């Protein structure tokens, strides 16, 4: 048995050795081929996080103003070209005895050749700013990203509480090259 094992090991050691006339030519080429995968250039179209990441946090969010969540269908607009945080105050303005839920729609249009994703945060149970638990998100690769949220009153009659909330909006770069000449457009609609 040891002789057979020794013959197999010797055969394996000499079969692929350089200069062995018995070695297959394809094995020789494979052994001598350079490892190009380590030196592959990076894609020019891939965004650099350093270029697209503004470093802004939820605590530094820019206010886009106030919209009514239950009357009027007003809107606010903001623009940018890097990762961004915004917030909007959504107010309850309908004081009738009948239930009117709070509604908010957020649209994000990315510029040509760049893709941004949309994340929206709201604490529906308490009037505190939410920055960690996503309430709605949209990750379209083309077209307009859209998130619609509804909270507060349901059923027939008003809940008798103020359902106004501050909503946090995060815009994240995904692909393309960020530049101040190619800006996204964010539109926030109340009561829509």
Protein backbone atom coordinates (compact mmCIF):
# COMPACT_ATOMS: atom_id res chain seq x y z
CA UNK A 1 0.00 0.00 0.00
CA UNK A 2 2.85 2.45 0.82
CA UNK A 3 4.43 1.82 -2.57
CA UNK A 4 1.22 2.60 -4.36
CA UNK A 5 0.78 5.84 -2.38
CA UNK A 6 4.40 6.84 -3.09
CA UNK A 7 3.91 6.28 -6.84
CA UNK A 8 0.73 8.41 -6.84
CA UNK A 9 2.47 11.28 -5.01
CA UNK A 10 5.51 11.17 -7.32
CA UNK A 11 3.21 11.12 -10.35
CA UNK A 12 1.32 14.19 -9.07
CA UNK A 13 4.49 16.06 -8.23
CA UNK A 14 6.04 15.58 -11.65
CA UNK A 15 2.95 15.87 -13.85
CA UNK A 16 2.63 19.66 -13.49
CA UNK A 17 6.26 20.55 -12.96
CA UNK A 18 7.76 23.09 -15.39
CA UNK A 19 9.96 21.44 -18.02
CA UNK A 20 8.15 18.12 -17.79
CA UNK A 21 7.46 16.97 -21.33
CA UNK A 22 4.45 15.02 -20.08
CA UNK A 23 2.76 18.09 -18.62
CA UNK A 24 -0.27 19.35 -20.51
CA UNK A 25 0.33 22.67 -22.33
CA UNK A 26 -2.86 24.19 -20.86
CA UNK A 27 -1.60 23.47 -17.34
CA UNK A 28 1.67 25.27 -18.17
CA UNK A 29 -0.21 28.34 -19.43
CA UNK A 30 -2.50 28.34 -16.40
CA UNK A 31 0.44 28.27 -14.00
CA UNK A 32 2.25 31.09 -15.82
CA UNK A 33 -0.82 33.35 -16.28
CA UNK A 34 -0.67 36.65 -14.34
CA UNK A 35 -3.32 37.33 -11.68
CA UNK A 36 -5.01 40.34 -13.27
CA UNK A 37 -8.06 40.26 -10.99
CA UNK A 38 -6.06 42.01 -8.24
CA UNK A 39 -5.16 44.94 -10.49
CA UNK A 40 -8.56 45.46 -12.15
CA UNK A 41 -9.38 49.18 -12.42
CA UNK A 42 -12.39 50.56 -10.56
CA UNK A 43 -15.39 51.66 -12.59
CA UNK A 44 -15.47 55.38 -13.28
CA UNK A 45 -19.27 55.42 -12.96
CA UNK A 46 -19.33 54.03 -9.41
CA UNK A 47 -19.92 56.79 -6.86
CA UNK A 48 -17.28 57.47 -4.29
CA UNK A 49 -18.78 57.62 -0.82
CA UNK A 50 -16.39 60.49 -0.12
CA UNK A 51 -17.86 62.40 -3.09
CA UNK A 52 -21.55 61.68 -2.44
CA UNK A 53 -21.63 61.42 1.34
CA UNK A 54 -22.16 64.84 2.89
CA UNK A 55 -21.70 63.53 6.43
CA UNK A 56 -25.06 65.06 7.39
CA UNK A 57 -27.02 63.27 10.14
CA UNK A 58 -30.68 63.24 11.12
CA UNK A 59 -29.92 65.64 13.98
CA UNK A 60 -28.64 68.15 11.37
CA UNK A 61 -31.68 67.80 9.08
CA UNK A 62 -32.73 70.84 7.08
CA UNK A 63 -36.34 71.89 7.62
CA UNK A 64 -38.47 72.20 4.49
CA UNK A 65 -41.28 73.84 6.48
CA UNK A 66 -44.82 72.82 7.39
CA UNK A 67 -47.63 71.09 5.51
CA UNK A 68 -51.12 70.16 6.64
CA UNK A 69 -51.66 66.41 6.88
CA UNK A 70 -55.44 66.55 6.76
CA UNK A 71 -56.48 69.65 4.74
CA UNK A 72 -55.39 71.56 1.65
CA UNK A 73 -52.84 69.33 -0.13
CA UNK A 74 -50.02 71.89 0.09
CA UNK A 75 -46.42 71.06 -0.84
CA UNK A 76 -42.78 71.94 -0.13
CA UNK A 77 -39.75 71.42 -2.37
CA UNK A 78 -36.03 70.92 -1.66
CA UNK A 79 -33.02 70.08 -3.84
CA UNK A 80 -29.55 68.63 -3.33
CA UNK A 81 -26.81 66.49 -4.85
CA UNK A 82 -25.29 64.56 -1.91
CA UNK A 83 -26.63 62.40 0.90
CA UNK A 84 -29.12 64.58 2.76
CA UNK A 85 -31.54 64.71 5.68
CA UNK A 86 -34.66 66.88 5.72
CA UNK A 87 -37.59 67.24 8.08
CA UNK A 88 -41.12 68.53 7.64
CA UNK A 89 -43.70 69.40 10.25
CA UNK A 90 -47.01 67.76 9.33
CA UNK A 91 -49.86 69.49 11.20
CA UNK A 92 -53.39 68.42 12.02
CA UNK A 93 -55.75 71.21 10.93
CA UNK A 94 -59.15 69.49 10.63
CA UNK A 95 -61.00 69.81 13.94
CA UNK A 96 -64.33 68.24 12.98
CA UNK A 97 -65.87 65.43 15.02
CA UNK A 98 -65.32 63.05 12.14
CA UNK A 99 -62.05 61.17 11.68
CA UNK A 100 -59.63 62.51 9.10
CA UNK A 101 -56.31 60.63 8.94
CA UNK A 102 -52.99 62.41 8.48
CA UNK A 103 -51.49 61.83 5.02
CA UNK A 104 -48.06 62.61 3.64
CA UNK A 105 -46.57 61.77 0.24
CA UNK A 106 -42.86 62.27 -0.51
CA UNK A 107 -41.52 62.17 -4.10
CA UNK A 108 -37.83 62.05 -5.00
CA UNK A 109 -36.69 62.57 -8.59
CA UNK A 110 -33.02 61.72 -9.26
CA UNK A 111 -31.07 63.61 -11.94
CA UNK A 112 -30.09 61.87 -15.18
CA UNK A 113 -27.25 59.41 -14.64
CA UNK A 114 -27.50 59.40 -10.83
CA UNK A 115 -29.67 57.25 -8.54
CA UNK A 116 -30.79 58.28 -5.05
CA UNK A 117 -33.02 56.25 -2.70
CA UNK A 118 -35.67 57.61 -0.33
CA UNK A 119 -36.24 56.73 3.35
CA UNK A 120 -38.96 58.34 5.50
CA UNK A 121 -39.23 58.14 9.30
CA UNK A 122 -42.17 59.08 11.60
CA UNK A 123 -43.13 58.11 15.13
CA UNK A 124 -46.91 57.77 14.76
CA UNK A 125 -47.48 57.08 18.46
CA UNK A 126 -45.67 60.07 19.92
CA UNK A 127 -44.70 63.57 18.79
CA UNK A 128 -40.93 63.02 18.83
CA UNK A 129 -38.51 63.10 15.91
CA UNK A 130 -37.76 59.60 14.58
CA UNK A 131 -34.36 58.91 12.99
CA UNK A 132 -33.80 55.16 13.18
CA UNK A 133 -36.96 53.14 12.40
CA UNK A 134 -37.90 53.45 8.73
CA UNK A 135 -41.64 54.00 8.18
CA UNK A 136 -41.46 53.87 4.37
CA UNK A 137 -38.81 53.54 1.69
CA UNK A 138 -38.43 53.57 -2.08
CA UNK A 139 -35.41 52.23 -3.96
CA UNK A 140 -36.31 52.68 -7.63
CA UNK A 141 -33.44 52.35 -10.11
CA UNK A 142 -35.14 54.81 -12.48
CA UNK A 143 -38.10 57.16 -12.41
CA UNK A 144 -39.48 58.81 -9.28
CA UNK A 145 -39.15 57.28 -5.81
CA UNK A 146 -42.34 57.74 -3.77
CA UNK A 147 -43.35 57.05 -0.17
CA UNK A 148 -46.90 57.56 1.15
CA UNK A 149 -47.61 57.52 4.90
CA UNK A 150 -50.90 57.70 6.79
CA UNK A 151 -51.44 57.82 10.57
CA UNK A 152 -53.72 59.18 13.27
CA UNK A 153 -57.48 59.04 13.14
CA UNK A 154 -59.32 56.08 11.68
CA UNK A 155 -62.88 54.91 11.83
CA UNK A 156 -65.82 57.34 12.00
CA UNK A 157 -65.03 59.84 14.75
CA UNK A 158 -62.07 62.03 15.68
CA UNK A 159 -59.67 60.67 18.30
CA UNK A 160 -59.56 64.02 20.13
CA UNK A 161 -55.74 64.09 20.04
CA UNK A 162 -53.32 66.24 18.08
CA UNK A 163 -51.76 63.93 15.45
CA UNK A 164 -49.20 66.52 14.23
CA UNK A 165 -45.72 65.01 13.74
CA UNK A 166 -42.24 65.93 12.57
CA UNK A 167 -41.28 63.59 9.73
CA UNK A 168 -37.60 62.88 8.91
CA UNK A 169 -36.60 62.27 5.29
CA UNK A 170 -33.29 60.72 4.21
CA UNK A 171 -31.93 60.84 0.65
CA UNK A 172 -29.14 58.28 0.02
CA UNK A 173 -26.90 58.20 -3.08
CA UNK A 174 -26.75 54.77 -4.74
CA UNK A 175 -25.03 55.10 -8.12
CA UNK A 176 -23.71 57.66 -10.57
CA UNK A 177 -21.40 60.60 -10.09
CA UNK A 178 -22.55 63.28 -7.67
CA UNK A 179 -22.08 66.89 -8.71
CA UNK A 180 -23.69 70.21 -7.82
CA UNK A 181 -24.76 70.50 -11.47
CA UNK A 182 -26.96 67.36 -11.22
CA UNK A 183 -29.42 67.81 -8.36
CA UNK A 184 -32.26 65.66 -7.09
CA UNK A 185 -35.68 67.19 -6.45
CA UNK A 186 -37.62 66.31 -3.29
CA UNK A 187 -41.32 67.27 -3.10
CA UNK A 188 -43.33 66.79 0.08
CA UNK A 189 -47.15 66.80 -0.21
CA UNK A 190 -49.46 67.09 2.80
CA UNK A 191 -52.97 65.58 2.71
CA UNK A 192 -52.34 63.67 -0.51
